Amino acid sequence: MRARDVFELLLLSVLWGGAYLFTRAAVPSFGPAPLVAMRLGIAALILLPVLAWRGHLPQLWAHPRELFMVGVPFTALPFMLMTWGALHITAGLSAVLNATAPMFAALVAHFVLKEHLGAWRAAGLVLGFAGVLVLMGSGTVSLRSGRGPLAVMAVLGTAMIWSVGANYTRRKMANLDAMATTVGSLAAASLVLAPLAWATWPSTPPSARAWAEMAFLGIGSSGLGMWMYFRLLRRIGPVPAMSVTFLSPLVAMVSGALYLGEALTLQMLIGCAIVLLGTALSLGLIGRPTRRTASAAP
């Protein structure tokens, strides 16, 4: 990779790692539905001119049903689960749990699509989910409270849904441009969530700081972040671009400690390392070369 590619990869890890931080910071002021609807809507508006410039805008009108399918169960639902979970667990823990998406994708590919898993990737799955158990006992989730473990399950559900969505789009929408799929699904998700966002709009107006955090999510993390990710995919390929999966949780953990004062313990770091090692094995980045599974964006 050239120096520019390395810089953009590091910047993307900051944008996507910061997404967990600012979601955790802004969701108490807005609530899950308003925050998600605005974030995804802003991102769709930012990416729409890029899609038009690339000449793929007609694909949006040609495949409305497919884009609606990706937009509602595979975009709106997981973002809502992840954002609700951010009310109850730390930004760093959310990022690490979401990094399990490639492991769920490997399970779906093996059991549903009948793809060969292999010993290395199977070991990665076991190791990765063991890391989740380490994180559960790290003090960042209170097992005496019903909300903490439920929030963990919600974020793991987010990763699982995204993994199913990745396999669905790979099989059913391979003929569509990837950015067209992204823009269409973001727009569909935002429109579907708009009535719920209106109905649950907070009675107390969000602060200027909360609005700035929401703007970062829509403009920086989702809009600019997705554009940069597609640029990197074209220039350096999917495997190097996957390294953002491993950088974003570290950014989220450190920034959460600095910005929100969240706890950062040795057990958390160990659990994070175990999850990311398991993810690397399940992706085939360590061990024998295997077919790679794309990771999900925050």
C-alpha atoms as a PDB file:
ATOM      1  CA  MET A   1       0.000   0.000   0.000  1.00  0.00           C
ATOM      2  CA  ARG A   2       1.064   3.563  -0.674  1.00  0.00           C
ATOM      3  CA  ALA A   3       1.353   6.160   2.084  1.00  0.00           C
ATOM      4  CA  ARG A   4      -1.985   7.658   1.010  1.00  0.00           C
ATOM      5  CA  ASP A   5      -3.700   4.289   1.381  1.00  0.00           C
ATOM      6  CA  VAL A   6      -2.274   3.785   4.870  1.00  0.00           C
ATOM      7  CA  PHE A   7      -3.407   7.284   5.874  1.00  0.00           C
ATOM      8  CA  GLU A   8      -6.951   6.706   4.568  1.00  0.00           C
ATOM      9  CA  LEU A   9      -7.113   3.324   6.294  1.00  0.00           C
ATOM     10  CA  LEU A  10      -6.127   4.894   9.609  1.00  0.00           C
ATOM     11  CA  LEU A  11      -8.587   7.749   9.068  1.00  0.00           C
ATOM     12  CA  LEU A  12     -11.353   5.257   8.285  1.00  0.00           C
ATOM     13  CA  SER A  13     -10.614   3.376  11.503  1.00  0.00           C
ATOM     14  CA  VAL A  14     -10.999   6.673  13.386  1.00  0.00           C
ATOM     15  CA  LEU A  15     -14.293   7.459  11.625  1.00  0.00           C
ATOM     16  CA  TRP A  16     -15.739   4.001  12.231  1.00  0.00           C
ATOM     17  CA  GLY A  17     -14.276   3.627  15.712  1.00  0.00           C
ATOM     18  CA  GLY A  18     -15.640   7.067  16.545  1.00  0.00           C
ATOM     19  CA  ALA A  19     -19.085   5.940  15.419  1.00  0.00           C
ATOM     20  CA  TYR A  20     -19.428   3.753  18.511  1.00  0.00           C
ATOM     21  CA  LEU A  21     -18.192   6.585  20.711  1.00  0.00           C
ATOM     22  CA  PHE A  22     -20.617   9.214  19.381  1.00  0.00           C
ATOM     23  CA  THR A  23     -23.510   6.769  19.222  1.00  0.00           C
ATOM     24  CA  ARG A  24     -22.974   6.077  22.907  1.00  0.00           C
ATOM     25  CA  ALA A  25     -22.728   9.827  23.592  1.00  0.00           C
ATOM     26  CA  ALA A  26     -25.701  11.026  21.512  1.00  0.00           C
ATOM     27  CA  VAL A  27     -28.319   8.288  21.939  1.00  0.00           C
ATOM     28  CA  PRO A  28     -29.424   9.366  25.448  1.00  0.00           C
ATOM     29  CA  SER A  29     -30.348  12.792  24.039  1.00  0.00           C
ATOM     30  CA  PHE A  30     -32.102  11.667  20.841  1.00  0.00           C
ATOM     31  CA  GLY A  31     -33.272   8.126  21.471  1.00  0.00           C
ATOM     32  CA  PRO A  32     -32.479   5.208  19.125  1.00  0.00           C
ATOM     33  CA  ALA A  33     -35.000   5.810  16.308  1.00  0.00           C
ATOM     34  CA  PRO A  34     -34.421   9.548  15.778  1.00  0.00           C
ATOM     35  CA  LEU A  35     -30.648   9.123  15.910  1.00  0.00           C
ATOM     36  CA  VAL A  36     -30.583   6.206  13.460  1.00  0.00           C
ATOM     37  CA  ALA A  37     -33.075   7.759  11.031  1.00  0.00           C
ATOM     38  CA  MET A  38     -31.128  11.033  10.821  1.00  0.00           C
ATOM     39  CA  ARG A  39     -27.748   9.336  10.650  1.00  0.00           C
ATOM     40  CA  LEU A  40     -28.695   7.025   7.793  1.00  0.00           C
ATOM     41  CA  GLY A  41     -30.632   9.701   5.940  1.00  0.00           C
ATOM     42  CA  ILE A  42     -27.688  12.114   6.011  1.00  0.00           C
ATOM     43  CA  ALA A  43     -25.338   9.375   4.820  1.00  0.00           C
ATOM     44  CA  ALA A  44     -27.648   8.512   1.897  1.00  0.00           C
ATOM     45  CA  LEU A  45     -27.814  12.167   0.836  1.00  0.00           C
ATOM     46  CA  ILE A  46     -24.012  12.454   0.945  1.00  0.00           C
ATOM     47  CA  LEU A  47     -23.429   9.302  -1.099  1.00  0.00           C
ATOM     48  CA  LEU A  48     -26.179   9.971  -3.634  1.00  0.00           C
ATOM     49  CA  PRO A  49     -24.127  12.495  -5.713  1.00  0.00           C
ATOM     50  CA  VAL A  50     -21.171  10.077  -5.711  1.00  0.00           C
ATOM     51  CA  LEU A  51     -23.438   7.326  -7.030  1.00  0.00           C
ATOM     52  CA  ALA A  52     -24.789   9.666  -9.727  1.00  0.00           C
ATOM     53  CA  TRP A  53     -21.243  10.685 -10.729  1.00  0.00           C
ATOM     54  CA  ARG A  54     -20.345   6.999 -11.143  1.00  0.00           C
ATOM     55  CA  GLY A  55     -23.366   6.512 -13.419  1.00  0.00           C
ATOM     56  CA  HIS A  56     -25.148   3.914 -11.255  1.00  0.00           C
ATOM     57  CA  LEU A  57     -28.117   6.011 -10.150  1.00  0.00           C
ATOM     58  CA  PRO A  58     -30.589   4.128 -12.441  1.00  0.00           C
ATOM     59  CA  GLN A  59     -29.942   0.961 -10.433  1.00  0.00           C
ATOM     60  CA  LEU A  60     -31.891   2.478  -7.541  1.00  0.00           C
ATOM     61  CA  TRP A  61     -35.057   2.671  -9.601  1.00  0.00           C
ATOM     62  CA  ALA A  62     -34.511  -0.710 -11.256  1.00  0.00           C
ATOM     63  CA  HIS A  63     -34.345  -2.760  -8.034  1.00  0.00           C
ATOM     64  CA  PRO A  64     -36.673  -1.198  -5.422  1.00  0.00           C
ATOM     65  CA  ARG A  65     -37.791  -4.498  -3.864  1.00  0.00           C
ATOM     66  CA  GLU A  66     -34.263  -5.811  -3.425  1.00  0.00           C
ATOM     67  CA  LEU A  67     -33.063  -2.531  -1.901  1.00  0.00           C
ATOM     68  CA  PHE A  68     -36.065  -2.450   0.436  1.00  0.00           C
ATOM     69  CA  MET A  69     -35.193  -5.977   1.556  1.00  0.00           C
ATOM     70  CA  VAL A  70     -31.635  -4.965   2.362  1.00  0.00           C
ATOM     71  CA  GLY A  71     -32.717  -1.632   3.834  1.00  0.00           C
ATOM     72  CA  VAL A  72     -35.244  -2.800   6.419  1.00  0.00           C
ATOM     73  CA  PRO A  73     -34.207  -6.145   7.976  1.00  0.00           C
ATOM     74  CA  PHE A  74     -30.488  -5.854   7.191  1.00  0.00           C
ATOM     75  CA  THR A  75     -29.946  -2.114   7.790  1.00  0.00           C
ATOM     76  CA  ALA A  76     -32.681  -0.460   9.862  1.00  0.00           C
ATOM     77  CA  LEU A  77     -33.074  -3.352  12.319  1.00  0.00           C
ATOM     78  CA  PRO A  78     -29.380  -3.919  13.126  1.00  0.00           C
ATOM     79  CA  PHE A  79     -28.689  -0.186  13.480  1.00  0.00           C
ATOM     80  CA  MET A  80     -31.616   0.080  15.887  1.00  0.00           C
ATOM     81  CA  LEU A  81     -30.361  -2.872  17.936  1.00  0.00           C
ATOM     82  CA  MET A  82     -26.809  -1.521  18.066  1.00  0.00           C
ATOM     83  CA  THR A  83     -27.977   1.981  18.998  1.00  0.00           C
ATOM     84  CA  TRP A  84     -30.293   0.706  21.723  1.00  0.00           C
ATOM     85  CA  GLY A  85     -27.452  -1.426  23.055  1.00  0.00           C
ATOM     86  CA  ALA A  86     -25.258   1.683  23.233  1.00  0.00           C
ATOM     87  CA  LEU A  87     -27.566   3.003  25.960  1.00  0.00           C
ATOM     88  CA  HIS A  88     -26.402   0.250  28.300  1.00  0.00           C
ATOM     89  CA  ILE A  89     -22.826  -0.787  27.412  1.00  0.00           C
ATOM     90  CA  THR A  90     -19.626   1.070  26.621  1.00  0.00           C
ATOM     91  CA  ALA A  91     -18.562   2.231  23.171  1.00  0.00           C
ATOM     92  CA  GLY A  92     -15.507  -0.022  23.207  1.00  0.00           C
ATOM     93  CA  LEU A  93     -17.514  -3.106  24.096  1.00  0.00           C
ATOM     94  CA  SER A  94     -20.022  -2.338  21.319  1.00  0.00           C
ATOM     95  CA  ALA A  95     -17.195  -2.084  18.794  1.00  0.00           C
ATOM     96  CA  VAL A  96     -15.589  -5.357  19.863  1.00  0.00           C
ATOM     97  CA  LEU A  97     -18.900  -7.228  19.834  1.00  0.00           C
ATOM     98  CA  ASN A  98     -19.709  -5.870  16.388  1.00  0.00           C
ATOM     99  CA  ALA A  99     -16.344  -7.163  15.159  1.00  0.00           C
ATOM    100  CA  THR A 100     -17.791 -10.669  15.493  1.00  0.00           C
ATOM    101  CA  ALA A 101     -19.835 -10.111  12.299  1.00  0.00           C
ATOM    102  CA  PRO A 102     -17.311 -12.021  10.119  1.00  0.00           C
ATOM    103  CA  MET A 103     -17.586 -14.979  12.498  1.00  0.00           C
ATOM    104  CA  PHE A 104     -21.365 -15.067  12.161  1.00  0.00           C
ATOM    105  CA  ALA A 105     -20.943 -14.715   8.399  1.00  0.00           C
ATOM    106  CA  ALA A 106     -18.676 -17.769   8.392  1.00  0.00           C
ATOM    107  CA  LEU A 107     -21.303 -19.753  10.311  1.00  0.00           C
ATOM    108  CA  VAL A 108     -24.062 -18.712   7.906  1.00  0.00           C
ATOM    109  CA  ALA A 109     -21.899 -19.555   4.896  1.00  0.00           C
ATOM    110  CA  HIS A 110     -21.114 -22.976   6.361  1.00  0.00           C
ATOM    111  CA  PHE A 111     -24.519 -24.107   7.609  1.00  0.00           C
ATOM    112  CA  VAL A 112     -26.819 -22.345   5.143  1.00  0.00           C
ATOM    113  CA  LEU A 113     -24.746 -21.958   1.991  1.00  0.00           C
ATOM    114  CA  LYS A 114     -22.824 -25.215   2.563  1.00  0.00           C
ATOM    115  CA  GLU A 115     -19.388 -23.610   2.200  1.00  0.00           C
ATOM    116  CA  HIS A 116     -16.443 -25.485   3.695  1.00  0.00           C
ATOM    117  CA  LEU A 117     -15.321 -23.975   6.988  1.00  0.00           C
ATOM    118  CA  GLY A 118     -12.027 -25.707   7.698  1.00  0.00           C
ATOM    119  CA  ALA A 119     -10.209 -26.372  10.962  1.00  0.00           C
ATOM    120  CA  TRP A 120      -8.512 -22.970  11.217  1.00  0.00           C
ATOM    121  CA  ARG A 121     -11.707 -20.987  10.734  1.00  0.00           C
ATOM    122  CA  ALA A 122     -13.628 -23.280  13.111  1.00  0.00           C
ATOM    123  CA  ALA A 123     -10.943 -22.680  15.747  1.00  0.00           C
ATOM    124  CA  GLY A 124     -11.312 -18.960  15.140  1.00  0.00           C
ATOM    125  CA  LEU A 125     -15.042 -19.133  15.834  1.00  0.00           C
ATOM    126  CA  VAL A 126     -14.517 -20.941  19.135  1.00  0.00           C
ATOM    127  CA  LEU A 127     -11.759 -18.536  20.154  1.00  0.00           C
ATOM    128  CA  GLY A 128     -13.705 -15.452  19.161  1.00  0.00           C
ATOM    129  CA  PHE A 129     -16.804 -16.347  21.120  1.00  0.00           C
ATOM    130  CA  ALA A 130     -14.609 -17.282  24.091  1.00  0.00           C
ATOM    131  CA  GLY A 131     -13.325 -13.718  23.927  1.00  0.00           C
ATOM    132  CA  VAL A 132     -16.907 -12.476  24.200  1.00  0.00           C
ATOM    133  CA  LEU A 133     -17.274 -14.440  27.447  1.00  0.00           C
ATOM    134  CA  VAL A 134     -14.090 -12.816  28.746  1.00  0.00           C
ATOM    135  CA  LEU A 135     -15.552  -9.404  27.954  1.00  0.00           C
ATOM    136  CA  MET A 136     -18.798 -10.322  29.708  1.00  0.00           C
ATOM    137  CA  GLY A 137     -16.835 -10.832  32.911  1.00  0.00           C
ATOM    138  CA  SER A 138     -14.644  -7.747  32.541  1.00  0.00           C
ATOM    139  CA  GLY A 139     -16.848  -5.459  34.630  1.00  0.00           C
ATOM    140  CA  THR A 140     -18.177  -3.490  31.651  1.00  0.00           C
ATOM    141  CA  VAL A 141     -21.450  -5.431  31.772  1.00  0.00           C
ATOM    142  CA  SER A 142     -23.350  -5.922  35.002  1.00  0.00           C
ATOM    143  CA  LEU A 143     -24.736  -9.450  35.061  1.00  0.00           C
ATOM    144  CA  ARG A 144     -26.958  -8.381  37.977  1.00  0.00           C
ATOM    145  CA  SER A 145     -28.771  -5.932  35.738  1.00  0.00           C
ATOM    146  CA  GLY A 146     -31.169  -7.134  33.076  1.00  0.00           C
ATOM    147  CA  ARG A 147     -30.171  -4.401  30.635  1.00  0.00           C
ATOM    148  CA  GLY A 148     -26.411  -5.040  30.374  1.00  0.00           C
ATOM    149  CA  PRO A 149     -26.507  -8.660  29.154  1.00  0.00           C
ATOM    150  CA  LEU A 150     -29.556  -7.864  27.009  1.00  0.00           C
ATOM    151  CA  ALA A 151     -27.605  -5.029  25.371  1.00  0.00           C
ATOM    152  CA  VAL A 152     -24.754  -7.449  24.666  1.00  0.00           C
ATOM    153  CA  MET A 153     -27.208  -9.812  22.994  1.00  0.00           C
ATOM    154  CA  ALA A 154     -28.618  -6.894  20.980  1.00  0.00           C
ATOM    155  CA  VAL A 155     -25.183  -5.943  19.624  1.00  0.00           C
ATOM    156  CA  LEU A 156     -24.327  -9.577  18.912  1.00  0.00           C
ATOM    157  CA  GLY A 157     -27.680  -9.764  17.133  1.00  0.00           C
ATOM    158  CA  THR A 158     -26.591  -6.760  15.086  1.00  0.00           C
ATOM    159  CA  ALA A 159     -23.451  -8.603  14.012  1.00  0.00           C
ATOM    160  CA  MET A 160     -25.449 -11.732  13.179  1.00  0.00           C
ATOM    161  CA  ILE A 161     -28.014  -9.816  11.098  1.00  0.00           C
ATOM    162  CA  TRP A 162     -25.284  -7.988   9.204  1.00  0.00           C
ATOM    163  CA  SER A 163     -23.581 -11.291   8.461  1.00  0.00           C
ATOM    164  CA  VAL A 164     -26.820 -12.736   7.073  1.00  0.00           C
ATOM    165  CA  GLY A 165     -27.283  -9.564   5.043  1.00  0.00           C
ATOM    166  CA  ALA A 166     -23.769  -9.833   3.635  1.00  0.00           C
ATOM    167  CA  ASN A 167     -24.439 -13.385   2.449  1.00  0.00           C
ATOM    168  CA  TYR A 168     -27.850 -12.350   1.086  1.00  0.00           C
ATOM    169  CA  THR A 169     -26.463  -9.462  -0.975  1.00  0.00           C
ATOM    170  CA  ARG A 170     -23.595 -11.615  -2.209  1.00  0.00           C
ATOM    171  CA  ARG A 171     -25.986 -14.247  -3.530  1.00  0.00           C
ATOM    172  CA  LYS A 172     -29.051 -12.216  -4.541  1.00  0.00           C
ATOM    173  CA  MET A 173     -27.647  -8.819  -5.533  1.00  0.00           C
ATOM    174  CA  ALA A 174     -24.297  -9.591  -7.118  1.00  0.00           C
ATOM    175  CA  ASN A 175     -25.376  -7.779 -10.293  1.00  0.00           C
ATOM    176  CA  LEU A 176     -25.841  -4.458  -8.462  1.00  0.00           C
ATOM    177  CA  ASP A 177     -23.067  -1.959  -7.835  1.00  0.00           C
ATOM    178  CA  ALA A 178     -22.007  -2.151  -4.168  1.00  0.00           C
ATOM    179  CA  MET A 179     -22.415   1.582  -3.616  1.00  0.00           C
ATOM    180  CA  ALA A 180     -25.885   1.503  -5.204  1.00  0.00           C
ATOM    181  CA  THR A 181     -26.848  -1.212  -2.732  1.00  0.00           C
ATOM    182  CA  THR A 182     -25.452   0.859   0.131  1.00  0.00           C
ATOM    183  CA  VAL A 183     -27.182   4.105  -0.870  1.00  0.00           C
ATOM    184  CA  GLY A 184     -30.501   2.388  -1.567  1.00  0.00           C
ATOM    185  CA  SER A 185     -30.499   0.449   1.692  1.00  0.00           C
ATOM    186  CA  LEU A 186     -29.538   3.530   3.736  1.00  0.00           C
ATOM    187  CA  ALA A 187     -32.308   5.583   2.130  1.00  0.00           C
ATOM    188  CA  ALA A 188     -34.894   2.823   2.595  1.00  0.00           C
ATOM    189  CA  ALA A 189     -33.933   2.349   6.240  1.00  0.00           C
ATOM    190  CA  SER A 190     -34.134   6.066   6.955  1.00  0.00           C
ATOM    191  CA  LEU A 191     -37.551   6.412   5.322  1.00  0.00           C
ATOM    192  CA  VAL A 192     -38.974   3.383   7.134  1.00  0.00           C
ATOM    193  CA  LEU A 193     -37.719   4.677  10.508  1.00  0.00           C
ATOM    194  CA  ALA A 194     -38.915   8.256   9.931  1.00  0.00           C
ATOM    195  CA  PRO A 195     -42.450   7.746  11.416  1.00  0.00           C
ATOM    196  CA  LEU A 196     -41.003   6.013  14.494  1.00  0.00           C
ATOM    197  CA  ALA A 197     -38.416   8.772  14.848  1.00  0.00           C
ATOM    198  CA  TRP A 198     -41.171  11.376  14.708  1.00  0.00           C
ATOM    199  CA  ALA A 199     -43.279   9.536  17.269  1.00  0.00           C
ATOM    200  CA  THR A 200     -40.380   9.104  19.717  1.00  0.00           C
ATOM    201  CA  TRP A 201     -38.740  12.510  19.248  1.00  0.00           C
ATOM    202  CA  PRO A 202     -37.390  13.638  22.659  1.00  0.00           C
ATOM    203  CA  SER A 203     -39.474  16.133  24.608  1.00  0.00           C
ATOM    204  CA  THR A 204     -36.300  17.842  25.814  1.00  0.00           C
ATOM    205  CA  PRO A 205     -34.410  19.418  22.878  1.00  0.00           C
ATOM    206  CA  PRO A 206     -30.982  17.807  22.339  1.00  0.00           C
ATOM    207  CA  SER A 207     -27.993  19.971  23.177  1.00  0.00           C
ATOM    208  CA  ALA A 208     -25.684  21.514  20.594  1.00  0.00           C
ATOM    209  CA  ARG A 209     -23.074  18.924  21.549  1.00  0.00           C
ATOM    210  CA  ALA A 210     -25.537  16.087  20.855  1.00  0.00           C
ATOM    211  CA  TRP A 211     -26.370  17.603  17.451  1.00  0.00           C
ATOM    212  CA  ALA A 212     -22.651  17.800  16.637  1.00  0.00           C
ATOM    213  CA  GLU A 213     -22.223  14.154  17.624  1.00  0.00           C
ATOM    214  CA  MET A 214     -25.166  13.157  15.430  1.00  0.00           C
ATOM    215  CA  ALA A 215     -23.702  15.166  12.536  1.00  0.00           C
ATOM    216  CA  PHE A 216     -20.407  13.308  12.917  1.00  0.00           C
ATOM    217  CA  LEU A 217     -22.256   9.994  12.695  1.00  0.00           C
ATOM    218  CA  GLY A 218     -24.127  10.932   9.525  1.00  0.00           C
ATOM    219  CA  ILE A 219     -21.456  12.936   7.716  1.00  0.00           C
ATOM    220  CA  GLY A 220     -18.238  11.387   8.978  1.00  0.00           C
ATOM    221  CA  SER A 221     -18.830   7.787  10.000  1.00  0.00           C
ATOM    222  CA  SER A 222     -21.597   6.735   7.595  1.00  0.00           C
ATOM    223  CA  GLY A 223     -21.228   9.171   4.658  1.00  0.00           C
ATOM    224  CA  LEU A 224     -17.522   9.898   4.316  1.00  0.00           C
ATOM    225  CA  GLY A 225     -16.592   6.571   5.932  1.00  0.00           C
ATOM    226  CA  MET A 226     -18.482   4.461   3.402  1.00  0.00           C
ATOM    227  CA  TRP A 227     -17.118   6.515   0.493  1.00  0.00           C
ATOM    228  CA  MET A 228     -13.561   6.012   1.743  1.00  0.00           C
ATOM    229  CA  TYR A 229     -14.177   2.300   2.267  1.00  0.00           C
ATOM    230  CA  PHE A 230     -15.267   1.825  -1.351  1.00  0.00           C
ATOM    231  CA  ARG A 231     -12.227   3.820  -2.523  1.00  0.00           C
ATOM    232  CA  LEU A 232      -9.939   1.542  -0.520  1.00  0.00           C
ATOM    233  CA  LEU A 233     -11.673  -1.587  -1.811  1.00  0.00           C
ATOM    234  CA  ARG A 234     -10.956  -0.511  -5.386  1.00  0.00           C
ATOM    235  CA  ARG A 235      -7.343   0.516  -4.711  1.00  0.00           C
ATOM    236  CA  ILE A 236      -6.000  -2.062  -2.251  1.00  0.00           C
ATOM    237  CA  GLY A 237      -8.557  -4.893  -2.368  1.00  0.00           C
ATOM    238  CA  PRO A 238     -10.818  -6.442   0.281  1.00  0.00           C
ATOM    239  CA  VAL A 239      -8.220  -8.212   2.442  1.00  0.00           C
ATOM    240  CA  PRO A 240      -6.097  -5.142   3.343  1.00  0.00           C
ATOM    241  CA  ALA A 241      -9.274  -3.093   3.746  1.00  0.00           C
ATOM    242  CA  MET A 242     -10.485  -5.631   6.321  1.00  0.00           C
ATOM    243  CA  SER A 243      -7.817  -4.392   8.716  1.00  0.00           C
ATOM    244  CA  VAL A 244     -10.237  -1.626   9.708  1.00  0.00           C
ATOM    245  CA  THR A 245     -12.195  -4.399  11.468  1.00  0.00           C
ATOM    246  CA  PHE A 246      -9.285  -4.727  13.883  1.00  0.00           C
ATOM    247  CA  LEU A 247      -8.419  -1.041  14.246  1.00  0.00           C
ATOM    248  CA  SER A 248     -11.908   0.348  14.928  1.00  0.00           C
ATOM    249  CA  PRO A 249     -12.468  -1.452  18.282  1.00  0.00           C
ATOM    250  CA  LEU A 250      -9.154  -0.144  19.597  1.00  0.00           C
ATOM    251  CA  VAL A 251     -10.094   3.393  18.545  1.00  0.00           C
ATOM    252  CA  ALA A 252     -13.500   3.025  20.199  1.00  0.00           C
ATOM    253  CA  MET A 253     -12.046   1.724  23.466  1.00  0.00           C
ATOM    254  CA  VAL A 254      -9.381   4.433  23.766  1.00  0.00           C
ATOM    255  CA  SER A 255     -11.639   7.285  22.648  1.00  0.00           C
ATOM    256  CA  GLY A 256     -14.419   6.066  24.957  1.00  0.00           C
ATOM    257  CA  ALA A 257     -12.008   6.226  27.877  1.00  0.00           C
ATOM    258  CA  LEU A 258     -10.817   9.718  26.925  1.00  0.00           C
ATOM    259  CA  TYR A 259     -14.108  11.307  25.799  1.00  0.00           C
ATOM    260  CA  LEU A 260     -16.643   9.609  28.068  1.00  0.00           C
ATOM    261  CA  GLY A 261     -14.464   8.391  30.917  1.00  0.00           C
ATOM    262  CA  GLU A 262     -15.329   4.742  30.251  1.00  0.00           C
ATOM    263  CA  ALA A 263     -13.379   2.055  32.056  1.00  0.00           C
ATOM    264  CA  LEU A 264     -10.451   0.512  30.196  1.00  0.00           C
ATOM    265  CA  THR A 265      -9.212  -2.558  32.058  1.00  0.00           C
ATOM    266  CA  LEU A 266      -6.623  -5.208  31.328  1.00  0.00           C
ATOM    267  CA  GLN A 267      -9.353  -7.861  31.094  1.00  0.00           C
ATOM    268  CA  MET A 268     -11.145  -5.764  28.485  1.00  0.00           C
ATOM    269  CA  LEU A 269      -7.967  -5.511  26.409  1.00  0.00           C
ATOM    270  CA  ILE A 270      -7.368  -9.258  26.711  1.00  0.00           C
ATOM    271  CA  GLY A 271     -10.955 -10.012  25.710  1.00  0.00           C
ATOM    272  CA  CYS A 272     -10.671  -7.616  22.771  1.00  0.00           C
ATOM    273  CA  ALA A 273      -7.456  -9.297  21.614  1.00  0.00           C
ATOM    274  CA  ILE A 274      -9.059 -12.763  21.830  1.00  0.00           C
ATOM    275  CA  VAL A 275     -12.131 -11.664  19.832  1.00  0.00           C
ATOM    276  CA  LEU A 276     -10.021 -10.006  17.142  1.00  0.00           C
ATOM    277  CA  LEU A 277      -7.704 -13.017  16.900  1.00  0.00           C
ATOM    278  CA  GLY A 278     -10.729 -15.267  16.483  1.00  0.00           C
ATOM    279  CA  THR A 279     -12.075 -12.903  13.824  1.00  0.00           C
ATOM    280  CA  ALA A 280      -8.767 -13.022  11.939  1.00  0.00           C
ATOM    281  CA  LEU A 281      -8.824 -16.823  12.003  1.00  0.00           C
ATOM    282  CA  SER A 282     -12.461 -16.996  10.886  1.00  0.00           C
ATOM    283  CA  LEU A 283     -11.677 -14.651   7.991  1.00  0.00           C
ATOM    284  CA  GLY A 284      -8.793 -16.850   6.909  1.00  0.00           C
ATOM    285  CA  LEU A 285      -6.266 -14.055   7.511  1.00  0.00           C
ATOM    286  CA  ILE A 286      -4.282 -16.432   9.744  1.00  0.00           C
ATOM    287  CA  GLY A 287      -3.703 -20.063   8.894  1.00  0.00           C
ATOM    288  CA  ARG A 288      -4.405 -21.690   5.553  1.00  0.00           C
ATOM    289  CA  PRO A 289      -5.726 -19.367   2.825  1.00  0.00           C
ATOM    290  CA  THR A 290      -9.506 -19.621   2.488  1.00  0.00           C
ATOM    291  CA  ARG A 291     -12.274 -17.688   0.880  1.00  0.00           C
ATOM    292  CA  ARG A 292     -12.690 -14.357   2.674  1.00  0.00           C
ATOM    293  CA  THR A 293     -15.972 -13.032   4.014  1.00  0.00           C
ATOM    294  CA  ALA A 294     -16.602  -9.308   3.871  1.00  0.00           C
ATOM    295  CA  SER A 295     -16.913  -7.456   7.167  1.00  0.00           C
ATOM    296  CA  ALA A 296     -19.747  -5.165   8.112  1.00  0.00           C
ATOM    297  CA  ALA A 297     -19.539  -1.444   8.648  1.00  0.00           C
ATOM    298  CA  PRO A 298     -20.689   0.321  11.762  1.00  0.00           C
END
